[in-house]
Amino acid sequence: MRSVLIAKLLFGILCFYNLNANINFATAQDILPVTDDISKNIQLAQDKYLNLANQGDERFQFYLGLTYENYYLDHIGDKNTTAVRQDKYNIYKAIYWYEKSSKNGFSPATFKLGLIYQSGILGKVDMVNAARLYKIAADRGFAEAQYNLAYLYETGKTVMRDYRLAAIWYERAAKQDIAKAMRALGILYHYGLGVEKQQPLAWVWAVRAVENGDVNAAQLAAKIGDQLTKEDKDIAKRLLN
């Protein structure tokens, strides 16, 4: 039971930090009023999304999946047997609609499925499928999937470690304003992993990460900045501008 709860909590954390910055939920919020009673939201979602979802609209398939998932996450730790069965039903319904949306080319749904497999919420961690789904979403240009894929290449988890590919995917995510990708890219340039060691460029990426809200990059920027020669500083300033 404890392992299941931990998996659920991890899933919630992954979803919160990895998806919110990449999707504009205004349309969904306009259609689906937020209420304290999540179960009413599921009914509203079925009333308002189901027809369009069944017609193949990938956005409403995604929103329907998201509603089921939110209900599931809202009941983490509920020990009532009936509630637990209903809980499992809701996460599988979420997966069902995410898969439909993903097959219709909606990258946020593909990414969500990757998070589900990575979290172990279905009983075991499946990094092979997670990596596969991240790659699909990354190829479509979804920034957070690009970051996750880069991280797998950097760490050698599931896929063979490849710093060159890690740098490529980090840079693609960084160019879409993913601050943690900027910091990671700064580290690769600092140590010359998968790219030519370039301290000015490493410093620039670290600074850009800080500017985009990554407080953890401040120490990296300061460390690299202290090591820059006068010539390096001139180059870095030109790059930053």
C-alpha atoms as a PDB file:
ATOM      1  CA  MET A   1       0.000   0.000   0.000  1.00  0.00           C
ATOM      2  CA  ARG A   2       2.826   2.350   0.914  1.00  0.00           C
ATOM      3  CA  SER A   3       4.528   1.847  -2.450  1.00  0.00           C
ATOM      4  CA  VAL A   4       1.257   2.633  -4.240  1.00  0.00           C
ATOM      5  CA  LEU A   5       0.846   5.868  -2.282  1.00  0.00           C
ATOM      6  CA  ILE A   6       4.427   6.865  -3.047  1.00  0.00           C
ATOM      7  CA  ALA A   7       3.825   6.172  -6.742  1.00  0.00           C
ATOM      8  CA  LYS A   8       0.667   8.293  -6.673  1.00  0.00           C
ATOM      9  CA  LEU A   9       2.471  11.169  -4.993  1.00  0.00           C
ATOM     10  CA  LEU A  10       5.325  10.955  -7.502  1.00  0.00           C
ATOM     11  CA  PHE A  11       2.811  10.966 -10.329  1.00  0.00           C
ATOM     12  CA  GLY A  12       1.153  14.084  -8.951  1.00  0.00           C
ATOM     13  CA  ILE A  13       4.498  15.853  -8.605  1.00  0.00           C
ATOM     14  CA  LEU A  14       5.571  14.877 -12.123  1.00  0.00           C
ATOM     15  CA  CYS A  15       2.325  16.128 -13.574  1.00  0.00           C
ATOM     16  CA  PHE A  16       2.417  19.413 -11.683  1.00  0.00           C
ATOM     17  CA  TYR A  17       5.961  20.362 -12.564  1.00  0.00           C
ATOM     18  CA  ASN A  18       6.124  18.985 -16.086  1.00  0.00           C
ATOM     19  CA  LEU A  19       2.874  19.946 -17.734  1.00  0.00           C
ATOM     20  CA  ASN A  20       1.403  23.142 -16.332  1.00  0.00           C
ATOM     21  CA  ALA A  21       3.837  25.471 -18.045  1.00  0.00           C
ATOM     22  CA  ASN A  22       3.191  24.004 -21.483  1.00  0.00           C
ATOM     23  CA  ILE A  23      -0.580  24.059 -21.830  1.00  0.00           C
ATOM     24  CA  ASN A  24      -3.016  26.909 -21.886  1.00  0.00           C
ATOM     25  CA  PHE A  25      -6.031  25.650 -19.952  1.00  0.00           C
ATOM     26  CA  ALA A  26      -8.156  28.746 -20.534  1.00  0.00           C
ATOM     27  CA  THR A  27     -10.394  26.996 -23.033  1.00  0.00           C
ATOM     28  CA  ALA A  28     -11.012  24.082 -20.691  1.00  0.00           C
ATOM     29  CA  GLN A  29     -11.706  26.361 -17.742  1.00  0.00           C
ATOM     30  CA  ASP A  30     -14.191  28.362 -19.786  1.00  0.00           C
ATOM     31  CA  ILE A  31     -16.082  25.218 -20.671  1.00  0.00           C
ATOM     32  CA  LEU A  32     -15.682  23.351 -17.380  1.00  0.00           C
ATOM     33  CA  PRO A  33     -16.331  25.479 -14.257  1.00  0.00           C
ATOM     34  CA  VAL A  34     -14.062  24.615 -11.331  1.00  0.00           C
ATOM     35  CA  THR A  35     -16.051  23.471  -8.301  1.00  0.00           C
ATOM     36  CA  ASP A  36     -15.160  21.986  -4.923  1.00  0.00           C
ATOM     37  CA  ASP A  37     -16.952  18.766  -5.813  1.00  0.00           C
ATOM     38  CA  ILE A  38     -14.657  17.090  -8.338  1.00  0.00           C
ATOM     39  CA  SER A  39     -17.242  14.387  -9.043  1.00  0.00           C
ATOM     40  CA  LYS A  40     -19.534  17.065 -10.447  1.00  0.00           C
ATOM     41  CA  ASN A  41     -16.699  18.117 -12.718  1.00  0.00           C
ATOM     42  CA  ILE A  42     -16.532  14.621 -14.181  1.00  0.00           C
ATOM     43  CA  GLN A  43     -20.226  14.779 -14.974  1.00  0.00           C
ATOM     44  CA  LEU A  44     -19.798  18.252 -16.474  1.00  0.00           C
ATOM     45  CA  ALA A  45     -16.849  17.008 -18.471  1.00  0.00           C
ATOM     46  CA  GLN A  46     -18.871  14.131 -19.863  1.00  0.00           C
ATOM     47  CA  ASP A  47     -21.735  16.478 -20.675  1.00  0.00           C
ATOM     48  CA  LYS A  48     -19.569  19.092 -22.359  1.00  0.00           C
ATOM     49  CA  TYR A  49     -16.568  17.155 -23.723  1.00  0.00           C
ATOM     50  CA  LEU A  50     -17.796  13.659 -24.544  1.00  0.00           C
ATOM     51  CA  ASN A  51     -19.607  14.461 -27.764  1.00  0.00           C
ATOM     52  CA  LEU A  52     -16.660  16.382 -29.205  1.00  0.00           C
ATOM     53  CA  ALA A  53     -14.191  13.801 -27.884  1.00  0.00           C
ATOM     54  CA  ASN A  54     -16.124  11.005 -29.576  1.00  0.00           C
ATOM     55  CA  GLN A  55     -16.033  13.011 -32.802  1.00  0.00           C
ATOM     56  CA  GLY A  56     -12.224  12.780 -32.652  1.00  0.00           C
ATOM     57  CA  ASP A  57     -11.313  16.252 -31.345  1.00  0.00           C
ATOM     58  CA  GLU A  58      -7.922  15.638 -29.737  1.00  0.00           C
ATOM     59  CA  ARG A  59      -8.183  18.672 -27.428  1.00  0.00           C
ATOM     60  CA  PHE A  60     -11.419  17.538 -25.841  1.00  0.00           C
ATOM     61  CA  GLN A  61     -10.146  13.979 -25.621  1.00  0.00           C
ATOM     62  CA  PHE A  62      -7.219  15.388 -23.673  1.00  0.00           C
ATOM     63  CA  TYR A  63      -9.407  17.566 -21.434  1.00  0.00           C
ATOM     64  CA  LEU A  64     -11.651  14.610 -20.683  1.00  0.00           C
ATOM     65  CA  GLY A  65      -8.616  12.535 -19.728  1.00  0.00           C
ATOM     66  CA  LEU A  66      -7.337  15.371 -17.598  1.00  0.00           C
ATOM     67  CA  THR A  67     -10.618  15.551 -15.693  1.00  0.00           C
ATOM     68  CA  TYR A  68     -10.522  11.840 -14.869  1.00  0.00           C
ATOM     69  CA  GLU A  69      -6.895  12.175 -13.811  1.00  0.00           C
ATOM     70  CA  ASN A  70      -7.635  15.155 -11.573  1.00  0.00           C
ATOM     71  CA  TYR A  71     -10.360  13.168  -9.839  1.00  0.00           C
ATOM     72  CA  TYR A  72      -7.899  10.315  -9.370  1.00  0.00           C
ATOM     73  CA  LEU A  73      -5.217  12.567  -7.884  1.00  0.00           C
ATOM     74  CA  ASP A  74      -7.776  14.225  -5.629  1.00  0.00           C
ATOM     75  CA  HIS A  75      -8.441  10.864  -3.954  1.00  0.00           C
ATOM     76  CA  ILE A  76      -4.854   9.838  -3.224  1.00  0.00           C
ATOM     77  CA  GLY A  77      -4.763   7.871   0.018  1.00  0.00           C
ATOM     78  CA  ASP A  78      -8.472   7.047   0.136  1.00  0.00           C
ATOM     79  CA  LYS A  79      -8.620   3.606   1.791  1.00  0.00           C
ATOM     80  CA  ASN A  80     -12.303   2.948   1.134  1.00  0.00           C
ATOM     81  CA  THR A  81     -12.483  -0.208  -1.022  1.00  0.00           C
ATOM     82  CA  THR A  82     -15.200   1.141  -3.289  1.00  0.00           C
ATOM     83  CA  ALA A  83     -13.334   4.408  -3.668  1.00  0.00           C
ATOM     84  CA  VAL A  84     -10.116   2.561  -4.533  1.00  0.00           C
ATOM     85  CA  ARG A  85     -11.896   0.593  -7.279  1.00  0.00           C
ATOM     86  CA  GLN A  86     -13.413   3.809  -8.599  1.00  0.00           C
ATOM     87  CA  ASP A  87      -9.987   5.412  -8.359  1.00  0.00           C
ATOM     88  CA  LYS A  88      -8.460   2.788 -10.646  1.00  0.00           C
ATOM     89  CA  TYR A  89     -11.359   3.153 -13.038  1.00  0.00           C
ATOM     90  CA  ASN A  90     -10.706   6.899 -13.295  1.00  0.00           C
ATOM     91  CA  ILE A  91      -6.980   6.599 -13.998  1.00  0.00           C
ATOM     92  CA  TYR A  92      -7.638   3.987 -16.704  1.00  0.00           C
ATOM     93  CA  LYS A  93     -10.325   6.238 -18.187  1.00  0.00           C
ATOM     94  CA  ALA A  94      -7.765   9.051 -18.187  1.00  0.00           C
ATOM     95  CA  ILE A  95      -5.289   6.816 -20.009  1.00  0.00           C
ATOM     96  CA  TYR A  96      -7.966   5.771 -22.492  1.00  0.00           C
ATOM     97  CA  TRP A  97      -8.659   9.376 -23.506  1.00  0.00           C
ATOM     98  CA  TYR A  98      -4.992  10.400 -23.419  1.00  0.00           C
ATOM     99  CA  GLU A  99      -4.189   7.555 -25.814  1.00  0.00           C
ATOM    100  CA  LYS A 100      -6.921   8.635 -28.219  1.00  0.00           C
ATOM    101  CA  SER A 101      -5.721  12.245 -28.069  1.00  0.00           C
ATOM    102  CA  SER A 102      -2.102  11.170 -28.521  1.00  0.00           C
ATOM    103  CA  LYS A 103      -2.956   9.066 -31.577  1.00  0.00           C
ATOM    104  CA  ASN A 104      -4.582  12.172 -33.022  1.00  0.00           C
ATOM    105  CA  GLY A 105      -1.285  14.038 -32.678  1.00  0.00           C
ATOM    106  CA  PHE A 106      -1.868  16.027 -29.467  1.00  0.00           C
ATOM    107  CA  SER A 107       1.580  16.170 -27.846  1.00  0.00           C
ATOM    108  CA  PRO A 108       0.476  17.092 -24.287  1.00  0.00           C
ATOM    109  CA  ALA A 109      -1.460  13.817 -24.161  1.00  0.00           C
ATOM    110  CA  THR A 110       1.545  11.855 -25.413  1.00  0.00           C
ATOM    111  CA  PHE A 111       3.686  13.505 -22.760  1.00  0.00           C
ATOM    112  CA  LYS A 112       1.106  12.746 -20.055  1.00  0.00           C
ATOM    113  CA  LEU A 113       1.199   9.066 -20.987  1.00  0.00           C
ATOM    114  CA  GLY A 114       4.979   9.140 -20.670  1.00  0.00           C
ATOM    115  CA  LEU A 115       4.660  10.557 -17.169  1.00  0.00           C
ATOM    116  CA  ILE A 116       2.183   7.843 -16.223  1.00  0.00           C
ATOM    117  CA  TYR A 117       4.553   5.082 -17.318  1.00  0.00           C
ATOM    118  CA  GLN A 118       7.488   6.768 -15.576  1.00  0.00           C
ATOM    119  CA  SER A 119       5.595   7.248 -12.312  1.00  0.00           C
ATOM    120  CA  GLY A 120       4.827   3.576 -11.774  1.00  0.00           C
ATOM    121  CA  ILE A 121       1.235   4.431 -10.956  1.00  0.00           C
ATOM    122  CA  LEU A 122       0.029   1.386 -12.904  1.00  0.00           C
ATOM    123  CA  GLY A 123       1.968  -0.953 -10.623  1.00  0.00           C
ATOM    124  CA  LYS A 124       5.461  -0.759 -12.101  1.00  0.00           C
ATOM    125  CA  VAL A 125       7.770   1.799 -13.635  1.00  0.00           C
ATOM    126  CA  ASP A 126       7.991   1.371 -17.405  1.00  0.00           C
ATOM    127  CA  MET A 127      10.798   3.614 -18.603  1.00  0.00           C
ATOM    128  CA  VAL A 128      10.940   1.961 -22.022  1.00  0.00           C
ATOM    129  CA  ASN A 129       7.443   3.152 -22.866  1.00  0.00           C
ATOM    130  CA  ALA A 130       8.056   6.475 -21.119  1.00  0.00           C
ATOM    131  CA  ALA A 131      11.135   7.123 -23.267  1.00  0.00           C
ATOM    132  CA  ARG A 132       9.263   6.100 -26.415  1.00  0.00           C
ATOM    133  CA  LEU A 133       6.435   8.512 -25.692  1.00  0.00           C
ATOM    134  CA  TYR A 134       8.782  11.348 -24.733  1.00  0.00           C
ATOM    135  CA  LYS A 135      10.566  10.875 -28.057  1.00  0.00           C
ATOM    136  CA  ILE A 136       7.279  11.090 -29.987  1.00  0.00           C
ATOM    137  CA  ALA A 137       6.232  14.272 -28.161  1.00  0.00           C
ATOM    138  CA  ALA A 138       9.753  15.708 -28.421  1.00  0.00           C
ATOM    139  CA  ASP A 139       9.828  15.151 -32.178  1.00  0.00           C
ATOM    140  CA  ARG A 140       6.569  17.095 -32.365  1.00  0.00           C
ATOM    141  CA  GLY A 141       8.242  20.003 -30.577  1.00  0.00           C
ATOM    142  CA  PHE A 142       6.820  19.608 -27.059  1.00  0.00           C
ATOM    143  CA  ALA A 143       9.387  21.323 -24.845  1.00  0.00           C
ATOM    144  CA  GLU A 144       8.979  19.376 -21.603  1.00  0.00           C
ATOM    145  CA  ALA A 145       9.235  16.090 -23.480  1.00  0.00           C
ATOM    146  CA  GLN A 146      12.421  17.368 -25.084  1.00  0.00           C
ATOM    147  CA  TYR A 147      13.802  18.086 -21.623  1.00  0.00           C
ATOM    148  CA  ASN A 148      12.820  14.677 -20.239  1.00  0.00           C
ATOM    149  CA  LEU A 149      14.306  12.907 -23.250  1.00  0.00           C
ATOM    150  CA  ALA A 150      17.536  14.883 -22.904  1.00  0.00           C
ATOM    151  CA  TYR A 151      17.719  13.926 -19.236  1.00  0.00           C
ATOM    152  CA  LEU A 152      17.394  10.245 -20.116  1.00  0.00           C
ATOM    153  CA  TYR A 153      20.240  10.570 -22.610  1.00  0.00           C
ATOM    154  CA  GLU A 154      22.386  12.458 -20.104  1.00  0.00           C
ATOM    155  CA  THR A 155      21.891   9.971 -17.290  1.00  0.00           C
ATOM    156  CA  GLY A 156      21.774   6.808 -19.384  1.00  0.00           C
ATOM    157  CA  LYS A 157      18.460   5.756 -17.877  1.00  0.00           C
ATOM    158  CA  THR A 158      16.649   3.368 -20.214  1.00  0.00           C
ATOM    159  CA  VAL A 159      18.498   4.655 -23.286  1.00  0.00           C
ATOM    160  CA  MET A 160      22.235   4.447 -23.876  1.00  0.00           C
ATOM    161  CA  ARG A 161      24.015   7.462 -22.405  1.00  0.00           C
ATOM    162  CA  ASP A 162      24.707   9.944 -25.170  1.00  0.00           C
ATOM    163  CA  TYR A 163      25.798  13.426 -24.135  1.00  0.00           C
ATOM    164  CA  ARG A 164      25.669  14.656 -27.722  1.00  0.00           C
ATOM    165  CA  LEU A 165      21.978  13.815 -28.039  1.00  0.00           C
ATOM    166  CA  ALA A 166      21.367  15.148 -24.543  1.00  0.00           C
ATOM    167  CA  ALA A 167      22.840  18.492 -25.590  1.00  0.00           C
ATOM    168  CA  ILE A 168      20.730  18.571 -28.764  1.00  0.00           C
ATOM    169  CA  TRP A 169      17.470  17.973 -26.907  1.00  0.00           C
ATOM    170  CA  TYR A 170      18.360  20.277 -24.019  1.00  0.00           C
ATOM    171  CA  GLU A 171      19.047  23.052 -26.497  1.00  0.00           C
ATOM    172  CA  ARG A 172      15.719  22.534 -28.260  1.00  0.00           C
ATOM    173  CA  ALA A 173      13.914  22.722 -24.916  1.00  0.00           C
ATOM    174  CA  ALA A 174      16.014  25.706 -23.821  1.00  0.00           C
ATOM    175  CA  LYS A 175      15.056  27.605 -26.965  1.00  0.00           C
ATOM    176  CA  GLN A 176      11.447  27.186 -25.830  1.00  0.00           C
ATOM    177  CA  ASP A 177      12.261  28.881 -22.507  1.00  0.00           C
ATOM    178  CA  ILE A 178      12.584  25.767 -20.342  1.00  0.00           C
ATOM    179  CA  ALA A 179      14.877  27.129 -17.640  1.00  0.00           C
ATOM    180  CA  LYS A 180      16.047  23.770 -16.281  1.00  0.00           C
ATOM    181  CA  ALA A 181      17.141  22.833 -19.818  1.00  0.00           C
ATOM    182  CA  MET A 182      19.199  26.028 -19.975  1.00  0.00           C
ATOM    183  CA  ARG A 183      20.929  25.106 -16.717  1.00  0.00           C
ATOM    184  CA  ALA A 184      21.595  21.561 -17.918  1.00  0.00           C
ATOM    185  CA  LEU A 185      23.017  22.884 -21.175  1.00  0.00           C
ATOM    186  CA  GLY A 186      25.265  25.228 -19.206  1.00  0.00           C
ATOM    187  CA  ILE A 187      26.640  22.251 -17.287  1.00  0.00           C
ATOM    188  CA  LEU A 188      27.346  20.322 -20.490  1.00  0.00           C
ATOM    189  CA  TYR A 189      29.247  23.263 -21.985  1.00  0.00           C
ATOM    190  CA  HIS A 190      31.099  23.807 -18.711  1.00  0.00           C
ATOM    191  CA  TYR A 191      32.439  20.242 -18.638  1.00  0.00           C
ATOM    192  CA  GLY A 192      32.541  19.652 -22.386  1.00  0.00           C
ATOM    193  CA  LEU A 193      30.082  16.768 -22.331  1.00  0.00           C
ATOM    194  CA  GLY A 194      28.673  16.086 -25.798  1.00  0.00           C
ATOM    195  CA  VAL A 195      29.737  19.553 -26.917  1.00  0.00           C
ATOM    196  CA  GLU A 196      32.970  21.476 -27.165  1.00  0.00           C
ATOM    197  CA  LYS A 197      33.906  22.933 -23.790  1.00  0.00           C
ATOM    198  CA  GLN A 198      33.033  26.634 -23.974  1.00  0.00           C
ATOM    199  CA  GLN A 199      32.995  28.525 -20.691  1.00  0.00           C
ATOM    200  CA  PRO A 200      31.488  31.740 -22.117  1.00  0.00           C
ATOM    201  CA  LEU A 201      28.564  29.794 -23.573  1.00  0.00           C
ATOM    202  CA  ALA A 202      28.192  27.754 -20.382  1.00  0.00           C
ATOM    203  CA  TRP A 203      27.934  30.996 -18.402  1.00  0.00           C
ATOM    204  CA  VAL A 204      25.414  32.470 -20.833  1.00  0.00           C
ATOM    205  CA  TRP A 205      23.095  29.469 -20.542  1.00  0.00           C
ATOM    206  CA  ALA A 206      23.387  29.506 -16.744  1.00  0.00           C
ATOM    207  CA  VAL A 207      22.537  33.205 -16.636  1.00  0.00           C
ATOM    208  CA  ARG A 208      19.596  32.722 -18.982  1.00  0.00           C
ATOM    209  CA  ALA A 209      18.341  29.935 -16.717  1.00  0.00           C
ATOM    210  CA  VAL A 210      18.447  32.327 -13.764  1.00  0.00           C
ATOM    211  CA  GLU A 211      16.647  34.996 -15.774  1.00  0.00           C
ATOM    212  CA  ASN A 212      13.935  32.447 -16.573  1.00  0.00           C
ATOM    213  CA  GLY A 213      13.347  31.608 -12.940  1.00  0.00           C
ATOM    214  CA  ASP A 214      15.730  28.729 -12.183  1.00  0.00           C
ATOM    215  CA  VAL A 215      17.164  29.762  -8.809  1.00  0.00           C
ATOM    216  CA  ASN A 216      19.342  26.622  -8.769  1.00  0.00           C
ATOM    217  CA  ALA A 217      21.289  28.005 -11.733  1.00  0.00           C
ATOM    218  CA  ALA A 218      22.538  31.035  -9.782  1.00  0.00           C
ATOM    219  CA  GLN A 219      25.323  29.090  -8.089  1.00  0.00           C
ATOM    220  CA  LEU A 220      26.378  27.573 -11.406  1.00  0.00           C
ATOM    221  CA  ALA A 221      26.466  30.995 -13.076  1.00  0.00           C
ATOM    222  CA  ALA A 222      28.570  32.395 -10.228  1.00  0.00           C
ATOM    223  CA  LYS A 223      30.961  29.435 -10.319  1.00  0.00           C
ATOM    224  CA  ILE A 224      31.514  29.684 -14.074  1.00  0.00           C
ATOM    225  CA  GLY A 225      31.688  33.480 -13.939  1.00  0.00           C
ATOM    226  CA  ASP A 226      34.559  33.330 -11.432  1.00  0.00           C
ATOM    227  CA  GLN A 227      36.534  31.158 -13.842  1.00  0.00           C
ATOM    228  CA  LEU A 228      36.109  33.354 -16.905  1.00  0.00           C
ATOM    229  CA  THR A 229      39.127  35.164 -18.285  1.00  0.00           C
ATOM    230  CA  LYS A 230      38.800  38.761 -19.439  1.00  0.00           C
ATOM    231  CA  GLU A 231      38.562  37.532 -23.023  1.00  0.00           C
ATOM    232  CA  ASP A 232      35.916  34.972 -22.014  1.00  0.00           C
ATOM    233  CA  LYS A 233      33.886  37.700 -20.294  1.00  0.00           C
ATOM    234  CA  ASP A 234      33.933  39.832 -23.416  1.00  0.00           C
ATOM    235  CA  ILE A 235      32.745  36.867 -25.501  1.00  0.00           C
ATOM    236  CA  ALA A 236      30.074  36.001 -22.950  1.00  0.00           C
ATOM    237  CA  LYS A 237      28.714  39.549 -22.885  1.00  0.00           C
ATOM    238  CA  ARG A 238      28.434  39.584 -26.661  1.00  0.00           C
ATOM    239  CA  LEU A 239      26.645  36.224 -26.626  1.00  0.00           C
ATOM    240  CA  LEU A 240      24.278  37.344 -23.906  1.00  0.00           C
ATOM    241  CA  ASN A 241      23.310  40.437 -25.849  1.00  0.00           C
END
